[in-house]
Protein backbone atom coordinates (compact mmCIF):
# COMPACT_ATOMS: atom_id res chain seq x y z
CA MET A 1 3.01 -33.14 99.37
CA ASN A 2 -0.39 -32.99 97.94
CA ALA A 3 -0.36 -29.39 96.99
CA PRO A 4 2.77 -28.45 94.93
CA HIS A 5 1.86 -24.69 94.91
CA ALA A 6 1.02 -22.04 97.45
CA VAL A 7 -2.75 -22.22 98.58
CA SER A 8 -4.56 -20.05 96.35
CA PRO A 9 -5.73 -16.65 97.94
CA LEU A 10 -9.07 -17.49 96.82
CA ALA A 11 -9.35 -20.86 98.83
CA PRO A 12 -12.18 -21.03 101.27
CA LYS A 13 -10.82 -20.23 104.80
CA THR A 14 -12.26 -23.84 106.01
CA THR A 15 -12.55 -27.28 104.19
CA PRO A 16 -15.99 -29.05 105.31
CA THR A 17 -15.82 -32.54 106.95
CA LEU A 18 -18.45 -34.51 104.71
CA PRO A 19 -20.83 -36.74 106.46
CA ARG A 20 -21.05 -40.50 105.95
CA ILE A 21 -22.90 -41.94 103.35
CA ALA A 22 -23.89 -45.56 104.20
CA GLY A 23 -22.10 -48.12 102.18
CA VAL A 24 -20.01 -45.45 100.30
CA LYS A 25 -16.47 -46.19 100.96
CA LEU A 26 -13.34 -44.16 99.67
CA GLY A 27 -9.70 -44.91 99.99
CA ALA A 28 -6.42 -43.31 98.68
CA VAL A 29 -2.88 -44.86 98.30
CA GLU A 30 0.45 -43.45 97.22
CA ALA A 31 1.17 -45.59 93.71
CA GLY A 32 3.84 -43.55 92.10
CA ILE A 33 1.90 -42.81 89.09
CA ARG A 34 3.94 -39.64 88.78
CA TYR A 35 4.38 -37.86 92.06
CA LYS A 36 6.65 -39.05 94.99
CA GLY A 37 5.48 -38.53 98.54
CA ARG A 38 1.84 -38.25 98.03
CA THR A 39 -1.31 -40.20 97.07
CA ASP A 40 -2.23 -40.14 93.53
CA VAL A 41 -4.86 -42.93 93.22
CA MET A 42 -8.29 -42.83 94.84
CA LEU A 43 -11.05 -45.63 94.73
CA ALA A 44 -14.64 -45.29 95.83
CA ILE A 45 -16.54 -48.40 96.34
CA VAL A 46 -20.67 -48.23 96.61
CA PRO A 47 -22.97 -51.10 97.48
CA ALA A 48 -24.28 -53.33 95.00
CA GLY A 49 -27.57 -51.90 93.32
CA ALA A 50 -26.11 -48.85 93.05
CA VAL A 51 -26.95 -46.63 90.04
CA ILE A 52 -24.73 -44.06 88.16
CA ALA A 53 -24.90 -41.01 85.93
CA GLY A 54 -22.37 -39.11 84.29
CA VAL A 55 -21.41 -35.94 82.02
CA LEU A 56 -18.17 -36.21 79.96
CA THR A 57 -15.80 -33.99 77.77
CA ARG A 58 -16.93 -33.49 74.16
CA SER A 59 -13.26 -33.07 73.41
CA LYS A 60 -12.47 -34.96 70.14
CA THR A 61 -9.19 -36.22 71.73
CA ALA A 62 -11.07 -37.76 74.74
CA SER A 63 -8.91 -39.96 77.02
CA ALA A 64 -9.19 -43.67 77.27
CA PRO A 65 -10.91 -43.65 80.63
CA VAL A 66 -13.62 -41.15 79.33
CA GLU A 67 -14.07 -43.47 76.27
CA TRP A 68 -14.62 -46.40 78.84
CA CYS A 69 -17.06 -44.29 80.96
CA ARG A 70 -19.07 -43.39 77.79
CA LYS A 71 -19.33 -47.05 76.88
CA ASN A 72 -20.70 -48.00 80.35
CA LEU A 73 -22.71 -45.17 81.51
CA PRO A 74 -25.74 -46.43 79.44
CA ARG A 75 -26.12 -49.51 81.79
CA GLY A 76 -26.43 -47.16 84.70
CA LYS A 77 -24.94 -49.72 87.19
CA VAL A 78 -22.05 -48.86 89.40
CA ARG A 79 -19.79 -50.52 92.03
CA ALA A 80 -16.76 -48.56 92.10
CA ILE A 81 -14.99 -45.40 90.69
CA LEU A 82 -11.21 -45.48 90.13
CA ALA A 83 -9.18 -42.30 89.67
CA ASN A 84 -5.64 -41.37 89.29
CA ALA A 85 -3.67 -38.15 89.06
CA GLY A 86 -0.55 -37.47 87.36
CA ASN A 87 -1.25 -39.24 83.96
CA ALA A 88 -4.30 -38.53 81.89
CA ASN A 89 -4.07 -41.58 79.75
CA ALA A 90 -5.17 -39.56 76.93
CA PHE A 91 -3.81 -39.86 73.20
CA THR A 92 -2.13 -43.07 74.30
CA GLY A 93 -3.66 -45.27 71.54
CA LYS A 94 -4.51 -48.85 72.11
CA ILE A 95 -2.15 -48.87 75.04
CA GLY A 96 -4.27 -46.55 76.80
CA ASP A 97 -7.03 -48.84 76.27
CA LYS A 98 -5.42 -51.89 77.55
CA SER A 99 -4.37 -49.76 80.70
CA VAL A 100 -7.97 -49.04 81.58
CA GLU A 101 -9.04 -52.79 80.92
CA GLU A 102 -6.22 -53.97 83.23
CA ALA A 103 -6.78 -51.39 86.22
CA THR A 104 -10.54 -51.88 86.00
CA ARG A 105 -10.20 -55.76 85.94
CA ALA A 106 -8.07 -55.20 89.25
CA VAL A 107 -10.93 -53.40 90.88
CA ALA A 108 -13.48 -55.99 89.47
CA GLN A 109 -11.56 -59.04 90.91
CA ALA A 110 -11.07 -57.41 94.23
CA LEU A 111 -14.70 -56.57 94.55
CA GLY A 112 -16.16 -59.54 93.04
CA CYS A 113 -18.30 -57.50 90.40
CA ALA A 114 -18.30 -57.15 86.62
CA ARG A 115 -15.71 -54.93 85.12
CA ASN A 116 -18.24 -52.79 83.39
CA GLU A 117 -19.47 -51.66 86.69
CA VAL A 118 -15.94 -49.98 87.42
CA PHE A 119 -15.69 -46.60 86.26
CA MET A 120 -12.28 -44.91 85.79
CA ALA A 121 -11.00 -41.23 85.39
CA SER A 122 -7.43 -40.02 84.87
CA THR A 123 -5.95 -36.67 84.93
CA GLY A 124 -2.28 -35.28 84.59
CA VAL A 125 -0.05 -35.26 81.58
CA ILE A 126 -1.24 -36.05 78.10
CA GLY A 127 0.40 -38.59 75.78
CA GLN A 128 2.45 -40.73 78.12
CA PRO A 129 1.42 -44.30 78.51
CA LEU A 130 -0.16 -45.18 81.95
CA ASP A 131 1.34 -48.21 83.40
CA PRO A 132 -1.62 -50.44 84.96
CA ALA A 133 0.75 -52.40 87.03
CA PRO A 134 0.64 -50.09 90.12
CA PHE A 135 -3.15 -50.44 90.06
CA ALA A 136 -3.01 -54.06 90.56
CA LYS A 137 0.08 -53.96 93.20
CA HIS A 138 -1.54 -51.48 95.19
CA MET A 139 -5.19 -52.68 94.86
CA PRO A 140 -5.60 -54.81 98.08
CA ALA A 141 -4.27 -51.92 100.27
CA LEU A 142 -6.50 -49.56 98.27
CA VAL A 143 -9.56 -51.73 99.09
CA LYS A 144 -8.51 -51.91 102.69
CA ALA A 145 -7.99 -48.21 103.10
CA ALA A 146 -11.44 -47.52 102.02
CA ARG A 147 -13.79 -46.28 104.53
CA GLU A 148 -17.02 -44.21 104.88
CA ASP A 149 -14.99 -41.11 106.15
CA GLY A 150 -12.55 -41.40 103.69
CA TRP A 151 -13.63 -38.09 101.67
CA ALA A 152 -10.90 -35.76 102.66
CA GLU A 153 -8.00 -38.24 101.52
CA ALA A 154 -9.90 -39.38 98.13
CA SER A 155 -10.14 -35.52 97.12
CA ALA A 156 -6.54 -34.92 97.83
CA ALA A 157 -5.44 -37.93 95.92
CA ILE A 158 -6.81 -36.59 92.55
CA MET A 159 -5.18 -33.15 92.70
CA THR A 160 -2.53 -31.99 90.23
CA THR A 161 -1.91 -28.46 90.17
CA ASP A 162 -4.89 -27.70 92.64
CA THR A 163 -3.74 -25.92 95.74
CA PHE A 164 -6.57 -27.05 97.97
CA PRO A 165 -9.12 -29.98 97.91
CA LYS A 166 -12.55 -29.14 96.86
CA LEU A 167 -15.50 -30.69 98.80
CA ALA A 168 -19.22 -29.96 99.51
CA THR A 169 -22.25 -31.38 101.08
CA ARG A 170 -25.92 -31.01 100.90
CA THR A 171 -28.95 -32.47 102.79
CA CYS A 172 -32.57 -32.29 101.74
CA ARG A 173 -35.87 -34.05 101.58
CA ILE A 174 -37.75 -36.32 99.12
CA GLY A 175 -41.05 -36.65 100.58
CA ASP A 176 -40.63 -37.44 104.17
CA GLY A 177 -37.15 -38.77 103.79
CA THR A 178 -34.00 -37.33 104.16
CA VAL A 179 -31.14 -37.54 101.74
CA THR A 180 -27.66 -36.67 101.94
CA LEU A 181 -25.39 -35.52 98.86
CA ASN A 182 -21.68 -35.32 99.09
CA GLY A 183 -19.21 -34.53 96.21
CA PHE A 184 -15.57 -33.22 95.45
CA ALA A 185 -13.64 -32.04 92.39
CA LYS A 186 -10.41 -31.29 91.15
CA GLY A 187 -9.42 -28.77 88.39
CA SER A 188 -7.13 -25.71 88.26
CA GLY A 189 -6.20 -25.19 84.75
CA MET A 190 -7.14 -26.55 81.23
CA ILE A 191 -10.72 -25.60 82.51
CA ALA A 192 -13.38 -24.58 79.94
CA PRO A 193 -17.19 -25.59 79.54
CA ASP A 194 -18.12 -28.72 77.87
CA MET A 195 -18.38 -29.88 80.90
CA ALA A 196 -15.90 -27.64 82.76
CA THR A 197 -13.90 -29.28 85.34
CA MET A 198 -11.42 -32.06 85.02
CA LEU A 199 -12.71 -34.53 87.39
CA ALA A 200 -15.71 -34.41 89.99
CA PHE A 201 -17.45 -37.39 91.75
CA ALA A 202 -20.68 -37.14 93.81
CA PHE A 203 -22.65 -39.44 95.69
CA THR A 204 -25.95 -39.52 97.27
CA ASP A 205 -28.31 -42.17 99.30
CA ALA A 206 -31.18 -41.27 97.11
CA LYS A 207 -33.26 -44.11 95.41
CA LEU A 208 -33.61 -42.83 91.94
CA PRO A 209 -33.53 -44.64 88.68
CA PRO A 210 -30.55 -44.00 86.27
CA GLN A 211 -32.49 -41.96 83.65
CA VAL A 212 -33.93 -39.67 86.21
CA LEU A 213 -30.36 -39.44 87.99
CA GLN A 214 -28.95 -38.48 84.43
CA LYS A 215 -31.52 -35.96 83.57
CA LEU A 216 -30.98 -34.30 86.97
CA LEU A 217 -27.07 -34.34 86.71
CA SER A 218 -27.25 -32.84 83.14
CA ASP A 219 -29.34 -29.99 84.20
CA ALA A 220 -27.19 -29.35 87.02
CA THR A 221 -24.11 -29.48 85.18
CA ASP A 222 -25.51 -26.83 82.71
CA LYS A 223 -26.09 -24.47 85.67
CA SER A 224 -22.47 -25.12 87.20
CA PHE A 225 -19.51 -26.72 85.47
CA ASN A 226 -20.65 -25.64 81.98
CA CYS A 227 -20.65 -21.97 83.55
CA ILE A 228 -17.03 -21.75 84.57
CA THR A 229 -13.93 -21.26 82.63
CA VAL A 230 -10.32 -20.53 83.84
CA ASP A 231 -8.46 -20.37 80.28
CA GLY A 232 -10.67 -21.32 77.88
CA ASP A 233 -9.16 -24.89 77.20
CA THR A 234 -11.29 -27.96 77.38
CA SER A 235 -9.58 -30.97 78.95
CA THR A 236 -9.29 -34.21 77.20
CA SER A 237 -10.33 -35.91 80.63
CA ASP A 238 -13.37 -34.00 81.90
CA THR A 239 -15.44 -36.34 83.91
CA LEU A 240 -18.46 -35.80 86.24
CA LEU A 241 -19.92 -38.97 87.71
CA LEU A 242 -23.00 -39.08 90.38
CA ALA A 243 -23.82 -42.49 92.06
CA ALA A 244 -26.73 -43.18 93.82
CA THR A 245 -26.78 -45.86 96.56
CA GLY A 246 -30.67 -46.04 97.13
CA ALA A 247 -30.21 -46.45 100.83
CA ALA A 248 -32.43 -43.62 101.75
CA LYS A 249 -36.09 -44.24 102.79
CA HIS A 250 -38.45 -42.04 100.69
CA PRO A 251 -41.32 -42.42 98.41
CA ARG A 252 -40.75 -43.88 94.77
CA ILE A 253 -39.52 -41.50 92.15
CA ASP A 254 -40.07 -42.37 88.47
CA GLU A 255 -39.93 -39.25 86.62
CA ALA A 256 -37.41 -36.39 86.84
CA ASP A 257 -40.31 -33.90 87.05
CA ASP A 258 -41.84 -35.43 90.11
CA PRO A 259 -42.69 -32.63 92.54
CA MET A 260 -41.13 -34.29 95.33
CA LEU A 261 -37.82 -33.92 93.75
CA VAL A 262 -37.91 -30.08 94.09
CA GLU A 263 -35.63 -30.00 97.14
CA PHE A 264 -33.37 -32.56 95.82
CA LYS A 265 -32.79 -30.59 92.38
CA ARG A 266 -32.12 -27.38 94.37
CA ALA A 267 -29.55 -29.27 96.60
CA LEU A 268 -28.06 -30.86 93.55
CA ASP A 269 -27.55 -27.68 91.70
CA ASP A 270 -26.14 -26.00 94.99
CA LEU A 271 -23.65 -28.55 95.38
CA MET A 272 -22.45 -28.64 91.67
CA ILE A 273 -22.26 -24.91 91.79
CA GLU A 274 -20.34 -25.02 94.88
CA LEU A 275 -17.90 -27.40 93.58
CA ALA A 276 -17.61 -25.50 90.14
CA GLN A 277 -17.13 -22.24 91.76
CA LEU A 278 -14.21 -24.03 94.09
CA VAL A 279 -12.35 -25.03 90.81
CA ALA A 280 -12.45 -21.41 89.32
CA ARG A 281 -11.36 -19.93 92.69
CA ASP A 282 -8.40 -22.24 92.30
CA GLY A 283 -7.48 -21.34 88.72
CA GLU A 284 -3.85 -21.51 88.29
CA GLY A 285 -2.03 -18.33 89.51
CA ALA A 286 -5.44 -16.71 90.23
CA SER A 287 -5.82 -13.67 92.38
CA LYS A 288 -9.38 -12.62 91.87
CA PHE A 289 -12.68 -14.61 91.53
CA ILE A 290 -14.87 -13.01 88.83
CA THR A 291 -18.63 -13.23 88.48
CA ILE A 292 -20.11 -12.29 85.31
CA ASN A 293 -24.05 -11.66 85.38
CA VAL A 294 -25.49 -11.39 81.99
CA THR A 295 -29.27 -10.45 81.60
CA GLY A 296 -31.50 -9.31 78.83
CA ALA A 297 -30.05 -11.69 76.30
CA THR A 298 -32.12 -13.05 73.33
CA SER A 299 -31.70 -16.32 75.16
CA ASN A 300 -30.19 -18.15 78.04
CA GLY A 301 -27.58 -19.57 75.63
CA ALA A 302 -26.88 -16.32 73.95
CA ALA A 303 -26.30 -14.82 77.76
CA ARG A 304 -23.93 -17.86 78.40
CA LYS A 305 -21.91 -17.02 75.18
CA ILE A 306 -21.48 -13.59 75.99
CA GLY A 307 -20.81 -14.33 79.61
CA LEU A 308 -18.06 -16.78 78.39
CA ALA A 309 -16.72 -14.48 75.73
CA VAL A 310 -15.95 -11.91 78.49
CA ALA A 311 -14.76 -14.58 80.89
CA ASN A 312 -12.34 -15.83 78.33
CA SER A 313 -10.87 -12.69 77.12
CA PRO A 314 -7.16 -12.37 77.99
CA LEU A 315 -7.59 -8.61 78.08
CA VAL A 316 -10.42 -8.56 80.40
CA LYS A 317 -8.55 -11.12 82.93
CA THR A 318 -5.34 -9.20 82.69
CA ALA A 319 -7.10 -5.89 83.22
CA ILE A 320 -8.43 -7.32 86.33
CA ALA A 321 -5.65 -8.93 87.61
CA GLY A 322 -3.55 -5.48 87.08
CA GLU A 323 -6.75 -3.67 88.72
CA ASP A 324 -7.37 -1.55 85.85
CA ALA A 325 -10.76 -0.61 85.31
CA ASN A 326 -10.49 -0.60 81.46
CA TRP A 327 -14.53 -1.35 80.79
CA GLY A 328 -13.68 -0.79 76.96
CA ARG A 329 -12.38 -4.40 77.08
CA ILE A 330 -15.70 -5.59 78.36
CA VAL A 331 -17.30 -4.06 75.58
CA MET A 332 -14.84 -5.69 72.99
CA ALA A 333 -15.67 -9.04 74.42
CA VAL A 334 -19.58 -8.57 74.27
CA GLY A 335 -19.15 -7.56 70.75
CA LYS A 336 -16.87 -10.28 69.52
CA ALA A 337 -19.21 -13.09 71.16
CA GLY A 338 -21.27 -13.48 68.02
CA GLU A 339 -24.73 -13.07 69.65
CA LYS A 340 -27.17 -10.12 69.25
CA ALA A 341 -26.09 -6.96 70.93
CA ASP A 342 -27.37 -3.19 70.67
CA ARG A 343 -24.90 -0.38 71.49
CA ASP A 344 -27.52 1.86 72.67
CA LYS A 345 -29.21 -0.73 75.08
CA LEU A 346 -25.94 -2.27 76.18
CA ARG A 347 -25.54 -1.36 80.22
CA ILE A 348 -22.51 -2.35 81.96
CA SER A 349 -21.53 -1.99 85.66
CA MET A 350 -18.64 -3.13 88.03
CA GLY A 351 -18.95 -3.71 91.65
CA GLY A 352 -22.77 -2.23 91.22
CA VAL A 353 -21.19 0.96 89.76
CA ARG A 354 -23.05 1.78 86.33
CA ILE A 355 -20.47 2.50 83.62
CA THR A 356 -22.10 2.68 80.35
CA ASP A 357 -25.84 3.71 79.04
CA GLY A 358 -27.29 4.80 75.90
CA GLY A 359 -24.26 3.67 73.53
CA GLN A 360 -21.63 5.58 75.71
CA VAL A 361 -20.02 6.03 79.10
CA VAL A 362 -22.59 7.51 81.73
CA PRO A 363 -22.42 11.20 82.49
CA LYS A 364 -20.00 12.40 85.09
CA TYR A 365 -18.54 8.69 85.54
CA ASP A 366 -16.45 8.32 88.36
CA GLU A 367 -13.88 5.50 88.22
CA THR A 368 -12.75 5.46 91.77
CA PRO A 369 -15.41 3.24 93.27
CA VAL A 370 -14.75 0.66 90.50
CA VAL A 371 -11.17 0.55 91.00
CA LYS A 372 -11.61 -0.01 94.77
CA HIS A 373 -13.95 -2.77 93.86
CA MET A 374 -11.34 -4.35 91.63
CA GLN A 375 -8.74 -4.14 94.42
CA GLY A 376 -10.72 -6.82 96.32
CA ARG A 377 -10.50 -10.60 95.92
CA ASP A 378 -14.04 -10.86 94.34
CA VAL A 379 -14.93 -8.84 91.24
CA VAL A 380 -18.45 -8.68 89.88
CA ILE A 381 -19.40 -7.50 86.44
CA ASP A 382 -23.11 -7.00 85.30
CA ILE A 383 -23.95 -6.94 81.69
CA GLU A 384 -27.63 -5.88 80.52
CA LEU A 385 -28.38 -6.25 77.07
CA GLY A 386 -31.95 -4.98 77.00
CA LEU A 387 -33.04 -7.59 74.19
CA GLY A 388 -35.08 -10.14 75.91
CA ARG A 389 -35.26 -12.54 79.02
CA GLY A 390 -32.23 -14.58 78.54
CA LYS A 391 -29.77 -14.70 81.52
CA CYS A 392 -26.63 -16.63 82.58
CA THR A 393 -24.01 -16.09 85.42
CA VAL A 394 -20.49 -17.26 84.41
CA TRP A 395 -17.55 -17.52 86.81
CA THR A 396 -13.70 -17.17 86.10
CA CYS A 397 -10.57 -15.85 87.58
CA ASP A 398 -8.00 -13.29 86.47
CA LEU A 399 -5.00 -14.12 84.44
CA THR A 400 -1.55 -13.54 86.05
CA HIS A 401 1.92 -14.28 85.22
CA ARG A 402 2.18 -17.07 87.85
CA TYR A 403 -0.34 -18.91 85.00
CA ILE A 404 2.50 -18.86 82.82
CA ASP A 405 4.96 -20.02 85.49
CA ILE A 406 2.77 -22.88 86.35
CA ASN A 407 2.06 -24.20 82.88
CA GLY A 408 5.60 -23.39 81.43
CA SER A 409 6.93 -26.08 83.70
CA TYR A 410 4.22 -28.54 84.10
CA ARG A 411 6.05 -31.34 82.93
CA SER A 412 9.30 -30.51 84.82
């Protein structure tokens, strides 16, 4: 079974069917990495000449696949992305490096490309050696299974505690040419900004130089994956890769600030935000999706830090889970963030209802509509600091007992 837990109540009602991107083929197989009765290895193949950009975890205990990607991203060339679920291949020493070497070699030999054009990502349990033998054993079947409409199968194969696959697509124009962007992600726990999902892969037929693609992806990540959190824990395995095939017909682009990229930037930002929000909506044990809008901070960075302080507060998250309109916990979280805040300028609202102003609760405050808002699936918190023009929106979920149930038995 691909989803071992009941589907999150925050899951979208429908899953999109992603369009084909010429030359991009995806396949999945059941290799027995950890799970039984489900696929657990994904391979994405792109045409020769494709370029790649990526954003990786800053964890000081990053996995062997992350370090492999970090080493090869500067070359900007890609032919394939290999990913597995069930074993993170993190904190596995030289054995972990050898596993990556053998797995990527199996792909390179099957496709007739250089090994440094094969990128790898792994997710799952930390500290257990990853046997590379299943990759070589199943590589012929994996390559054979790859097809241009294999998006759903690929996204399902990388799930761990996820309860639903996460896919998104966009189209836009660069000059007079139409461009497609597809992406899928996995992530449910150990989600905290830096960047903030465990695995995410995106593909486009745009023709862009690697340095331009990297700039656009880094900017998009700052607005999306770096603005979500589930539990405040940064994964050893966080990997976001974006491959561009160059098959689309559009004017030549040499700089990231080219005016012809306005639509593409917007489409990429939207795609990444949708995927990031899907990760937050699938937070382990989540019952409510929380949007935190911070405005009037001294800078955008300060706004993000304050938003994340609220989003990561166990007291705030459990209050929302219990539908308790305890706004004092939001005040606490703003105050602990370490960024400038003024008691008398701070305004807090929930569900559009103003709660604080002038350093205290508003006169004749009625909690009833706030409680009603918290009883819904989507909770919105607005924090106005009144100090500057900095702003940021952060997304998270509540913290329920189900989170403990899932993580207390993760290895069993």
